[in-house]
Structures are given as structure tokens and as C-alpha cells.
Amino acid sequence: MEILVDTNIILDALLKRSPFDVDAYNILKMADEKKINAYIAAFSITDIYYFISKKLTHEGRIKAIKALFNIMKVVSITKHDIEKAMSFSEFEDLEDALQMQCLKKIKGDFIITRDEKFRKITHKAISPKDFIQSFS
């Protein structure tokens, strides 16, 4: 199963944001155990690095990102992907549209996200809790 993991899920796990951290950790565990093929958008890496900077040193941030790379694949984006995302009329948020383009690019089954607006736009968006209940 090909799964794109939204940035907020990664941050929930790394920053231990209760009550979301348990489900986020379980998603990462599923990826680590190869129960799912997990992906993250390349543009999410800089956001993750920035948001964890309040809790970790530079070395700690690099170590955390490398750990993610050990269990997840990175979806790169090109100018073509950005142009395609900008054409998605259902999205007013470019970041969400880019996430959707990444999902299409990997021929993904789901994007795991807590973004309720995203979940209203596509049936391929699922919350961590719902994903775990359905597929673990």
C-alpha cells in the first residue's frame, strides 16, 4: 500500500504533540515495519527541520530527518508538478494541492492527514486514527 504522510503527522510524532502523537508514532512504526510504503513530499523536509528546531539541536534535527529517510521515501517535485498542482481548482491552498500532486505521482492509495479541509476534498485523505483502525 502506497501512503503519503502529511507534514503534520510527522511533526505530531517528532514533537510529541498530544493527543495526536500516539497515532502518528503508530503510522511511522507501520512504515518502519514495512507494513506500508510511506512517502513524504520533499518540500516537507524544510518545514519539519524548522518546526523541530525549538526542541532539537542542528545535529538532532539532521539525525531525526535521516531516521525518517530510513523508513520513508521522498517524493520530489518538479516545475511540472507545481504547475499541475496550481491547476487543481478544488484546492485554494498550494501546499495541499502539491500534496495531492505527490499522491498522484506515487499512485498512492491514501494521504494520511489531520487536515479536515483536505479530507473533505478527496476520499483518498484519511486521518491517522481512521487509517490505523482500518489497516493495522
C-alpha atoms as a PDB file:
ATOM      1  CA  MET A   1       0.000   0.000   0.000  1.00  0.00           C
ATOM      2  CA  GLU A   2       1.417   3.371  -1.080  1.00  0.00           C
ATOM      3  CA  ILE A   3       0.825   6.092   1.534  1.00  0.00           C
ATOM      4  CA  LEU A   4       1.746   9.773   1.524  1.00  0.00           C
ATOM      5  CA  VAL A   5       2.192  11.118   5.042  1.00  0.00           C
ATOM      6  CA  ASP A   6       1.330  14.784   5.559  1.00  0.00           C
ATOM      7  CA  THR A   7       3.836  17.000   7.350  1.00  0.00           C
ATOM      8  CA  ASN A   8       1.567  17.496  10.350  1.00  0.00           C
ATOM      9  CA  ILE A   9       1.655  13.759  11.123  1.00  0.00           C
ATOM     10  CA  ILE A  10       5.451  13.685  11.153  1.00  0.00           C
ATOM     11  CA  LEU A  11       5.501  16.745  13.416  1.00  0.00           C
ATOM     12  CA  ASP A  12       2.970  15.144  15.763  1.00  0.00           C
ATOM     13  CA  ALA A  13       5.373  12.243  16.276  1.00  0.00           C
ATOM     14  CA  LEU A  14       8.624  14.203  16.473  1.00  0.00           C
ATOM     15  CA  LEU A  15       7.261  16.943  18.724  1.00  0.00           C
ATOM     16  CA  LYS A  16       5.168  14.516  20.807  1.00  0.00           C
ATOM     17  CA  ARG A  17       2.052  16.636  20.280  1.00  0.00           C
ATOM     18  CA  SER A  18      -0.551  15.047  22.494  1.00  0.00           C
ATOM     19  CA  PRO A  19      -3.060  13.543  21.833  1.00  0.00           C
ATOM     20  CA  PHE A  20      -2.001  13.095  18.187  1.00  0.00           C
ATOM     21  CA  ASP A  21       1.465  11.683  18.830  1.00  0.00           C
ATOM     22  CA  VAL A  22       0.380   8.094  19.547  1.00  0.00           C
ATOM     23  CA  ASP A  23      -1.382   7.636  16.200  1.00  0.00           C
ATOM     24  CA  ALA A  24       1.435   9.437  14.380  1.00  0.00           C
ATOM     25  CA  TYR A  25       4.014   7.187  16.033  1.00  0.00           C
ATOM     26  CA  ASN A  26       1.988   4.119  15.021  1.00  0.00           C
ATOM     27  CA  ILE A  27       1.942   5.288  11.397  1.00  0.00           C
ATOM     28  CA  LEU A  28       5.734   5.650  11.452  1.00  0.00           C
ATOM     29  CA  LYS A  29       6.019   2.243  13.095  1.00  0.00           C
ATOM     30  CA  MET A  30       3.938   0.695  10.306  1.00  0.00           C
ATOM     31  CA  ALA A  31       6.319   2.283   7.805  1.00  0.00           C
ATOM     32  CA  ASP A  32       9.364   1.057   9.715  1.00  0.00           C
ATOM     33  CA  GLU A  33       7.937  -2.471   9.809  1.00  0.00           C
ATOM     34  CA  LYS A  34       7.268  -2.251   6.035  1.00  0.00           C
ATOM     35  CA  LYS A  35       3.530  -2.762   6.533  1.00  0.00           C
ATOM     36  CA  ILE A  36       3.060   0.302   4.320  1.00  0.00           C
ATOM     37  CA  ASN A  37       5.213   2.050   1.753  1.00  0.00           C
ATOM     38  CA  ALA A  38       5.339   5.518   3.256  1.00  0.00           C
ATOM     39  CA  TYR A  39       6.280   8.669   1.367  1.00  0.00           C
ATOM     40  CA  ILE A  40       6.835  12.278   2.313  1.00  0.00           C
ATOM     41  CA  ALA A  41       6.900  15.255  -0.033  1.00  0.00           C
ATOM     42  CA  ALA A  42      10.377  16.732  -0.493  1.00  0.00           C
ATOM     43  CA  PHE A  43       9.153  20.228   0.327  1.00  0.00           C
ATOM     44  CA  SER A  44       8.015  18.993   3.751  1.00  0.00           C
ATOM     45  CA  ILE A  45      11.584  18.372   4.886  1.00  0.00           C
ATOM     46  CA  THR A  46      12.404  22.057   5.356  1.00  0.00           C
ATOM     47  CA  ASP A  47       9.170  22.595   7.303  1.00  0.00           C
ATOM     48  CA  ILE A  48       9.981  19.663   9.568  1.00  0.00           C
ATOM     49  CA  TYR A  49      13.537  20.905  10.102  1.00  0.00           C
ATOM     50  CA  TYR A  50      12.232  24.373  11.047  1.00  0.00           C
ATOM     51  CA  PHE A  51       9.487  23.217  13.426  1.00  0.00           C
ATOM     52  CA  ILE A  52      11.684  20.766  15.344  1.00  0.00           C
ATOM     53  CA  SER A  53      14.398  23.410  15.784  1.00  0.00           C
ATOM     54  CA  LYS A  54      12.801  24.557  19.037  1.00  0.00           C
ATOM     55  CA  LYS A  55      13.327  21.113  20.575  1.00  0.00           C
ATOM     56  CA  LEU A  56      16.479  19.784  18.911  1.00  0.00           C
ATOM     57  CA  THR A  57      19.975  20.962  18.083  1.00  0.00           C
ATOM     58  CA  HIS A  58      21.081  21.098  14.449  1.00  0.00           C
ATOM     59  CA  GLU A  59      22.684  17.658  14.866  1.00  0.00           C
ATOM     60  CA  GLY A  60      19.486  16.329  16.448  1.00  0.00           C
ATOM     61  CA  ARG A  61      17.387  17.697  13.570  1.00  0.00           C
ATOM     62  CA  ILE A  62      19.656  16.104  10.989  1.00  0.00           C
ATOM     63  CA  LYS A  63      19.536  12.805  12.881  1.00  0.00           C
ATOM     64  CA  ALA A  64      15.710  12.929  13.020  1.00  0.00           C
ATOM     65  CA  ILE A  65      15.436  13.633   9.294  1.00  0.00           C
ATOM     66  CA  LYS A  66      17.881  10.850   8.441  1.00  0.00           C
ATOM     67  CA  ALA A  67      15.809   8.499  10.607  1.00  0.00           C
ATOM     68  CA  LEU A  68      12.753   9.474   8.556  1.00  0.00           C
ATOM     69  CA  PHE A  69      14.695   8.724   5.369  1.00  0.00           C
ATOM     70  CA  ASN A  70      15.360   5.209   6.688  1.00  0.00           C
ATOM     71  CA  ILE A  71      11.642   4.427   6.859  1.00  0.00           C
ATOM     72  CA  MET A  72      10.103   6.704   4.223  1.00  0.00           C
ATOM     73  CA  LYS A  73      10.680   7.538   0.587  1.00  0.00           C
ATOM     74  CA  VAL A  74      10.846  11.153  -0.558  1.00  0.00           C
ATOM     75  CA  VAL A  75       8.654  12.365  -3.413  1.00  0.00           C
ATOM     76  CA  SER A  76      10.430  15.056  -5.389  1.00  0.00           C
ATOM     77  CA  ILE A  77       8.545  17.809  -7.139  1.00  0.00           C
ATOM     78  CA  THR A  78       9.279  19.472 -10.413  1.00  0.00           C
ATOM     79  CA  LYS A  79       8.095  22.614 -12.150  1.00  0.00           C
ATOM     80  CA  HIS A  80       5.578  20.407 -13.965  1.00  0.00           C
ATOM     81  CA  ASP A  81       4.227  19.113 -10.627  1.00  0.00           C
ATOM     82  CA  ILE A  82       3.823  22.672  -9.330  1.00  0.00           C
ATOM     83  CA  GLU A  83       2.028  23.770 -12.488  1.00  0.00           C
ATOM     84  CA  LYS A  84      -0.235  20.747 -12.298  1.00  0.00           C
ATOM     85  CA  ALA A  85      -0.996  21.429  -8.615  1.00  0.00           C
ATOM     86  CA  MET A  86      -1.846  25.040  -9.392  1.00  0.00           C
ATOM     87  CA  SER A  87      -4.473  23.803 -11.846  1.00  0.00           C
ATOM     88  CA  PHE A  88      -6.409  21.857  -9.190  1.00  0.00           C
ATOM     89  CA  SER A  89      -9.472  24.076  -8.813  1.00  0.00           C
ATOM     90  CA  GLU A  90     -10.685  22.268  -5.689  1.00  0.00           C
ATOM     91  CA  PHE A  91      -7.643  23.434  -3.713  1.00  0.00           C
ATOM     92  CA  GLU A  92      -7.178  27.007  -2.527  1.00  0.00           C
ATOM     93  CA  ASP A  93      -4.013  26.059  -0.614  1.00  0.00           C
ATOM     94  CA  LEU A  94      -0.990  25.414  -2.846  1.00  0.00           C
ATOM     95  CA  GLU A  95       0.668  23.191  -0.243  1.00  0.00           C
ATOM     96  CA  ASP A  96      -2.398  20.918  -0.161  1.00  0.00           C
ATOM     97  CA  ALA A  97      -2.510  20.888  -3.961  1.00  0.00           C
ATOM     98  CA  LEU A  98       1.170  19.908  -4.051  1.00  0.00           C
ATOM     99  CA  GLN A  99       0.493  17.125  -1.551  1.00  0.00           C
ATOM    100  CA  MET A 100      -2.282  15.898  -3.864  1.00  0.00           C
ATOM    101  CA  GLN A 101       0.063  16.023  -6.858  1.00  0.00           C
ATOM    102  CA  CYS A 102       2.621  13.986  -4.884  1.00  0.00           C
ATOM    103  CA  LEU A 103      -0.078  11.439  -4.045  1.00  0.00           C
ATOM    104  CA  LYS A 104      -0.959  11.159  -7.734  1.00  0.00           C
ATOM    105  CA  LYS A 105       2.714  10.923  -8.673  1.00  0.00           C
ATOM    106  CA  ILE A 106       3.278   7.875  -6.446  1.00  0.00           C
ATOM    107  CA  LYS A 107      -0.111   6.405  -7.443  1.00  0.00           C
ATOM    108  CA  GLY A 108      -0.873   6.451  -3.743  1.00  0.00           C
ATOM    109  CA  ASP A 109      -3.760   4.796  -2.011  1.00  0.00           C
ATOM    110  CA  PHE A 110      -4.089   7.422   0.733  1.00  0.00           C
ATOM    111  CA  ILE A 111      -2.668  10.575   2.207  1.00  0.00           C
ATOM    112  CA  ILE A 112      -2.679  10.444   5.985  1.00  0.00           C
ATOM    113  CA  THR A 113      -3.520  13.891   7.323  1.00  0.00           C
ATOM    114  CA  ARG A 114      -5.333  15.672  10.118  1.00  0.00           C
ATOM    115  CA  ASP A 115      -6.313  18.464   7.719  1.00  0.00           C
ATOM    116  CA  GLU A 116     -10.113  18.308   7.708  1.00  0.00           C
ATOM    117  CA  LYS A 117     -10.425  20.552   4.631  1.00  0.00           C
ATOM    118  CA  PHE A 118      -8.206  18.158   2.711  1.00  0.00           C
ATOM    119  CA  ARG A 119     -10.298  15.198   3.848  1.00  0.00           C
ATOM    120  CA  LYS A 120     -13.439  16.926   2.544  1.00  0.00           C
ATOM    121  CA  ILE A 121     -11.900  17.363  -0.918  1.00  0.00           C
ATOM    122  CA  THR A 122     -10.793  13.790  -1.616  1.00  0.00           C
ATOM    123  CA  HIS A 123     -11.732  10.299  -0.480  1.00  0.00           C
ATOM    124  CA  LYS A 124      -8.019   9.437  -0.531  1.00  0.00           C
ATOM    125  CA  ALA A 125      -7.371  11.605   2.537  1.00  0.00           C
ATOM    126  CA  ILE A 126      -7.697   9.774   5.835  1.00  0.00           C
ATOM    127  CA  SER A 127      -6.964  10.621   9.448  1.00  0.00           C
ATOM    128  CA  PRO A 128      -4.242   8.689  11.288  1.00  0.00           C
ATOM    129  CA  LYS A 129      -6.802   7.226  13.683  1.00  0.00           C
ATOM    130  CA  ASP A 130      -9.073   6.024  10.866  1.00  0.00           C
ATOM    131  CA  PHE A 131      -6.128   4.597   8.944  1.00  0.00           C
ATOM    132  CA  ILE A 132      -4.862   2.645  11.945  1.00  0.00           C
ATOM    133  CA  GLN A 133      -8.336   1.320  12.757  1.00  0.00           C
ATOM    134  CA  SER A 134      -8.829   0.186   9.170  1.00  0.00           C
ATOM    135  CA  PHE A 135      -5.412  -1.164   8.236  1.00  0.00           C
ATOM    136  CA  SER A 136      -3.357  -2.204  11.246  1.00  0.00           C
END
